[in-house]
Amino acid sequence: MTRDLSTPPVLPPGSLARSPQPVLPAAGGLSLRPWQPDDAAAFLSAYQDPEIRRWHTRRPASKARVLEWFDRYRQDWQQERGGHWAVTRDGGEVLGRIAMGSVNLEEAIAGIGYWVLPAARGAGVATAALSALSAWAMKGVGFHRLHLDHSTRNLASCRVATKAGYLPEGVMRSAGLHDDGRHDMHLHARVREYPEISSIKLGRGGGLAASIG
């Protein structure tokens, strides 16, 4: 539905859907590509992993359900609601997932989410994927702001965000519902006009501190 705005859209309709969903190269020989039906088994197995289940409450229950998700992913791109990529090694083996959702072309903002399979953790896969997707979205498409959030207890996701240049913006109290109850959530974002971040560190008690240079 078209809204009556006092400002023109930052990104015009068709900024995503006018082209096929791209394959994006990432550091370390990684490649982000759209999900394919042959990926269904790997996708389903990911949600059996305790760490992925800990932070993701939406889980497919069967291979058939995964294929329904993949179909919805294609619709998201066509309707410019979002984009979903398999993080792969040279376009083959699936190592993880990264997605761009909550797309608002009128204001040029979107949210990001990701996970990595157990065998690929600790090798910078999520950081490389997040950096590649962010560069494409901002420099290639023209998004102004990208944001993500994670439980304050999920230190691994926090490290990925900060390494990829997502500045910490604060804590959203009781904003996430997980299997073990409500969690406070860290909010991070990248904005195009902001200077480069030279370093971001976890402080005492999981707090965040950033140096800008």
Protein backbone atom coordinates (compact mmCIF):
# COMPACT_ATOMS: atom_id res chain seq x y z
CA MET A 1 0.00 0.00 0.00
CA THR A 2 1.35 3.42 -0.96
CA ARG A 3 1.57 5.87 1.94
CA ASP A 4 1.13 9.62 1.63
CA LEU A 5 4.57 10.94 2.57
CA SER A 6 5.87 14.46 2.93
CA THR A 7 9.27 13.28 1.64
CA PRO A 8 10.05 11.29 -1.52
CA PRO A 9 11.12 7.64 -1.08
CA VAL A 10 14.84 7.33 -0.45
CA LEU A 11 14.85 4.15 -2.54
CA PRO A 12 12.26 3.86 -5.33
CA PRO A 13 10.03 0.81 -5.79
CA GLY A 14 11.94 -1.81 -7.75
CA SER A 15 15.25 -1.12 -6.04
CA LEU A 16 15.38 -4.83 -5.18
CA ALA A 17 12.86 -6.65 -7.34
CA ARG A 18 13.85 -5.10 -10.67
CA SER A 19 16.83 -7.51 -10.68
CA PRO A 20 17.22 -11.16 -9.66
CA GLN A 21 18.46 -11.71 -6.13
CA PRO A 22 22.25 -11.46 -6.46
CA VAL A 23 25.02 -13.83 -5.51
CA LEU A 24 27.42 -11.90 -3.27
CA PRO A 25 31.12 -12.73 -2.85
CA ALA A 26 32.53 -12.55 0.67
CA ALA A 27 35.99 -12.75 2.20
CA GLY A 28 37.68 -16.12 2.66
CA GLY A 29 36.27 -17.73 -0.48
CA LEU A 30 32.70 -17.48 0.77
CA SER A 31 29.65 -16.79 -1.34
CA LEU A 32 26.14 -15.68 -0.42
CA ARG A 33 23.52 -17.13 -2.76
CA PRO A 34 19.74 -17.62 -2.74
CA TRP A 35 18.50 -20.79 -1.11
CA GLN A 36 17.93 -23.79 -3.38
CA PRO A 37 15.68 -26.85 -2.88
CA ASP A 38 18.76 -29.07 -2.48
CA ASP A 39 19.69 -27.03 0.63
CA ALA A 40 16.60 -28.17 2.53
CA ALA A 41 18.30 -30.98 4.45
CA ALA A 42 21.17 -28.76 5.63
CA PHE A 43 18.74 -25.99 6.58
CA LEU A 44 16.57 -28.38 8.58
CA SER A 45 19.55 -29.92 10.36
CA ALA A 46 20.74 -26.47 11.47
CA TYR A 47 17.69 -26.10 13.68
CA GLN A 48 18.61 -29.27 15.57
CA ASP A 49 21.74 -27.52 16.87
CA PRO A 50 21.30 -26.43 20.52
CA GLU A 51 22.93 -23.02 20.01
CA ILE A 52 20.77 -22.15 17.00
CA ARG A 53 17.67 -23.38 18.85
CA ARG A 54 18.66 -21.29 21.86
CA TRP A 55 18.49 -18.03 19.91
CA HIS A 56 15.89 -18.82 17.23
CA THR A 57 12.36 -19.75 18.27
CA ARG A 58 11.00 -19.95 14.72
CA ARG A 59 12.02 -23.42 13.49
CA PRO A 60 10.90 -25.55 10.55
CA ALA A 61 9.59 -28.97 11.60
CA SER A 62 10.10 -30.88 8.35
CA LYS A 63 11.77 -30.76 4.96
CA ALA A 64 8.42 -29.90 3.41
CA ARG A 65 8.13 -26.96 5.76
CA VAL A 66 11.64 -25.80 4.82
CA LEU A 67 10.63 -25.76 1.17
CA GLU A 68 7.63 -23.62 2.10
CA TRP A 69 10.04 -21.22 3.83
CA PHE A 70 12.22 -21.12 0.70
CA ASP A 71 9.16 -20.29 -1.41
CA ARG A 72 8.30 -17.45 0.98
CA TYR A 73 11.89 -16.24 0.73
CA ARG A 74 11.47 -15.90 -3.04
CA GLN A 75 8.24 -14.00 -2.50
CA ASP A 76 9.96 -11.69 -0.04
CA TRP A 77 12.41 -10.66 -2.74
CA GLN A 78 9.74 -10.22 -5.40
CA GLN A 79 7.61 -8.13 -3.04
CA GLU A 80 10.64 -6.24 -1.69
CA ARG A 81 10.10 -7.32 1.90
CA GLY A 82 13.56 -8.85 2.30
CA GLY A 83 16.29 -11.13 1.04
CA HIS A 84 17.55 -14.47 2.32
CA TRP A 85 20.91 -16.02 1.48
CA ALA A 86 22.73 -19.27 2.14
CA VAL A 87 26.30 -18.59 3.27
CA THR A 88 28.37 -21.09 1.32
CA ARG A 89 31.90 -22.10 0.48
CA ASP A 90 32.33 -21.21 -3.20
CA GLY A 91 28.58 -21.54 -3.78
CA GLY A 92 28.47 -25.18 -2.65
CA GLU A 93 28.60 -26.36 0.96
CA VAL A 94 26.17 -24.49 3.21
CA LEU A 95 27.90 -22.92 6.22
CA GLY A 96 25.18 -20.61 7.50
CA ARG A 97 22.35 -18.23 6.82
CA ILE A 98 22.04 -14.45 6.58
CA ALA A 99 18.91 -12.45 5.89
CA MET A 100 17.77 -8.89 5.39
CA GLY A 101 14.23 -8.22 6.61
CA SER A 102 11.93 -5.43 7.80
CA VAL A 103 12.80 -3.66 4.55
CA ASN A 104 11.55 -0.09 4.30
CA LEU A 105 12.53 1.35 0.93
CA GLU A 106 10.82 4.67 1.64
CA GLU A 107 13.26 5.33 4.50
CA ALA A 108 16.08 3.05 3.22
CA ILE A 109 16.36 0.97 6.39
CA ALA A 110 16.41 -2.80 7.01
CA GLY A 111 17.20 -5.38 9.69
CA ILE A 112 19.74 -8.21 9.53
CA GLY A 113 19.82 -11.70 11.06
CA TYR A 114 22.27 -14.62 10.79
CA TRP A 115 23.38 -18.00 12.08
CA VAL A 116 26.32 -20.33 11.36
CA LEU A 117 26.46 -24.12 11.47
CA PRO A 118 28.59 -25.65 14.28
CA ALA A 119 31.35 -26.94 11.98
CA ALA A 120 31.93 -23.46 10.54
CA ARG A 121 32.07 -21.48 13.79
CA GLY A 122 35.18 -19.67 14.92
CA ALA A 123 36.44 -19.05 11.38
CA GLY A 124 34.95 -15.60 10.76
CA VAL A 125 32.13 -16.89 8.56
CA ALA A 126 29.37 -14.76 10.09
CA THR A 127 31.51 -11.62 10.11
CA ALA A 128 32.49 -12.08 6.47
CA ALA A 129 28.87 -12.68 5.46
CA LEU A 130 27.58 -9.69 7.44
CA SER A 131 30.28 -7.43 6.00
CA ALA A 132 29.54 -8.54 2.43
CA LEU A 133 25.78 -8.13 2.75
CA SER A 134 26.17 -4.73 4.41
CA ALA A 135 28.51 -3.44 1.69
CA TRP A 136 26.12 -4.55 -1.06
CA ALA A 137 23.05 -3.12 0.68
CA MET A 138 24.62 0.27 1.37
CA LYS A 139 26.94 0.81 -1.59
CA GLY A 140 25.14 -1.27 -4.19
CA VAL A 141 21.49 -0.56 -3.38
CA GLY A 142 21.70 2.62 -1.31
CA PHE A 143 20.30 1.67 2.09
CA HIS A 144 20.94 4.35 4.68
CA ARG A 145 20.72 2.33 7.91
CA LEU A 146 21.02 -1.37 8.74
CA HIS A 147 20.29 -2.69 12.21
CA LEU A 148 20.36 -5.96 14.12
CA ASP A 149 19.69 -7.12 17.65
CA HIS A 150 20.63 -10.11 19.78
CA SER A 151 20.20 -11.31 23.35
CA THR A 152 22.58 -9.66 25.79
CA ARG A 153 23.59 -13.23 26.68
CA ASN A 154 24.62 -14.00 23.09
CA LEU A 155 28.20 -12.77 23.20
CA ALA A 156 29.19 -14.56 19.99
CA SER A 157 26.60 -12.63 17.97
CA CYS A 158 27.71 -9.42 19.65
CA ARG A 159 31.30 -10.01 18.53
CA VAL A 160 30.16 -10.62 14.95
CA ALA A 161 28.17 -7.38 14.90
CA THR A 162 30.96 -5.26 16.31
CA LYS A 163 33.62 -6.75 14.04
CA ALA A 164 31.42 -5.93 11.04
CA GLY A 165 31.19 -2.29 12.12
CA TYR A 166 27.73 -2.24 13.69
CA LEU A 167 27.85 0.34 16.46
CA PRO A 168 26.13 -0.57 19.73
CA GLU A 169 23.13 1.67 20.35
CA GLY A 170 21.87 0.40 23.68
CA VAL A 171 19.82 -2.27 25.41
CA MET A 172 16.15 -2.93 24.68
CA ARG A 173 14.78 -4.25 27.93
CA SER A 174 12.83 -7.52 27.80
CA ALA A 175 12.46 -7.17 24.03
CA GLY A 176 13.19 -10.78 23.05
CA LEU A 177 11.20 -13.91 23.88
CA HIS A 178 13.26 -17.11 23.93
CA ASP A 179 12.49 -20.63 25.12
CA ASP A 180 13.77 -19.79 28.60
CA GLY A 181 11.81 -16.55 28.87
CA ARG A 182 12.33 -12.86 28.18
CA HIS A 183 15.77 -11.50 27.28
CA ASP A 184 17.17 -8.00 27.15
CA MET A 185 18.43 -7.31 23.62
CA HIS A 186 21.47 -5.40 22.39
CA LEU A 187 20.74 -3.12 19.43
CA HIS A 188 23.47 -2.45 16.84
CA ALA A 189 23.41 -0.44 13.62
CA ARG A 190 25.46 0.85 10.72
CA VAL A 191 24.65 4.22 9.18
CA ARG A 192 26.18 5.39 5.89
CA GLU A 193 27.25 8.86 6.96
CA TYR A 194 28.97 7.83 10.17
CA PRO A 195 32.81 7.65 10.27
CA GLU A 196 34.60 4.35 10.23
CA ILE A 197 34.82 2.49 13.53
CA SER A 198 38.38 1.83 14.62
CA SER A 199 37.54 -0.50 17.51
CA ILE A 200 34.64 -1.79 19.55
CA LYS A 201 35.10 -3.79 22.70
CA LEU A 202 32.97 -5.68 25.17
CA GLY A 203 33.22 -3.94 28.52
CA ARG A 204 32.52 -5.06 32.01
CA GLY A 205 29.24 -6.88 32.44
CA GLY A 206 28.80 -7.24 28.69
CA GLY A 207 28.65 -3.49 28.10
CA LEU A 208 29.97 -2.07 24.85
CA ALA A 209 32.47 0.66 24.14
CA ALA A 210 33.41 2.01 20.71
CA SER A 211 36.24 4.14 19.38
CA ILE A 212 35.58 6.17 16.25
CA GLY A 213 38.34 7.41 14.04
